[in-house]
Amino acid sequence: MKSFRDKRRDSRPPAKSGAQRVRPHEGRGTARPQERPEAKVDERPEQKSAPRILARRDGALPAEQLPLILEVAPNADYALLDSGAGQKLEQYGPYRIVRPEGQAIWQKALPAREWDRADAVFTGDTDEEGIGRWRFPGTPLGETWPMKHDGIDYLGRFTSFRHVGVFPEQASHWDHMAGLIAAARRPVKVLNLFGYTGLASLVAARAGAEVTHVDASKKAIGWARENQEMAGLGNKPIRWIVEDAVKFAEREERRGSRYDIVLFDPPAYGRGPKGEVWQLFEDLPTLTDLCRSILTPKPLAVVLTAYSIRASFFAIHALMRDTFAGMGGRVESGELIIREKSAGRALSTSLFSRWVA
């Protein structure tokens, strides 16, 4: 699906198929690693699926914990230095970066001279194509630069959609997932839908899981492969698959393929290359049901993240509890936040709900 997060916060053009986060113009001019073929999906003519009929499941609702606020604090790899007046000042490795942030409706805490030290500023006031949307007040920078997350090397990227190749607020989910994989003391299979540039997949693989990473953008898969090599995890079992996330999940259900952990981060709205339309509130129940259907008999977790939707986390919390009725466990829901370094304010980035066995 061609996706975008809510225009209140991110007025970027829609993306390519699969309702994924990556944008069609990102990565232009990047030095690419040697091309390797992506994992092939079944290329036989596909029969059109009948609409999935949803029915409320029997059984007790899982226990619940809410609100749960998962926080990312400033660290050596990433820090939210300051925010306010519709902008945020971040430190990504060696670079200070200024980007729009619609939720920062308060005033900046740091003086203007600190903001003026930025290495890159996303303006959005030039041509919508390519790297021209970034302004470099000092030395012009290349498209990529080396970054780390918890010892995993990857590349940050200046993209034409103001993103930088990573969503640092997701680190809370990554750490939780790595803990589940380590504690399982058995082989664990992870499915990462809408996987983008692969940080979650690399964290899971390093923790010992066998990972299937799905994104409809071939360019995003190329970036993810590049990150895998840069991280020194080329020998880890990761399948990189270019495919629409919903179609892939449907196919896995038919094949009997099962996973212990499923991550999915669909957009609020999307449109696919064949005219498919994704509407979060209309289509999320079906995708959530599919995620339950492809779990192993002894699953560990299902993690749903929703960015920039006009809803409370209570909505997706209720959906997850209903979907996982009869499975026991617990549904934890709330918000992902980044703690600001300057004044200690919390910047909310997204809603989430996760079922944990």
Foldseek 3Di string as FASTA:
>chain_A
DFFDADCLFFVAGTDAFQLFDDHPQWPPPPDFDDDDDADDDPPDDDDDDDDDDDDFDDFAFAAEDPDDEAEDEDDQQKAFAWDAPQWTWMDHHPFIEIEGGSVRHHHIQDDVVVVVPGQKYQQCPDDLHDLPRIDGPPDDDDQWDWGDDPLQIAIFGRTSRRGTQDDVLCVSVLVVLLVLLLVVPDEFEEEERSQFQPPSVLSNQVSPYQYEYEHQDPVRLSRNQVSCVSRVNPVTRYRYYNDRRQVVLVVCLVVLAAGQEYEDEGECWDAHPVGDIDHCVVCVLVVLLSNVSRHDPNHFKYKYKYFNDPDAQVVVQVSNSRSCHPVYFYKHWHFRWYAHDRPRDTDTTTIMIMGGD
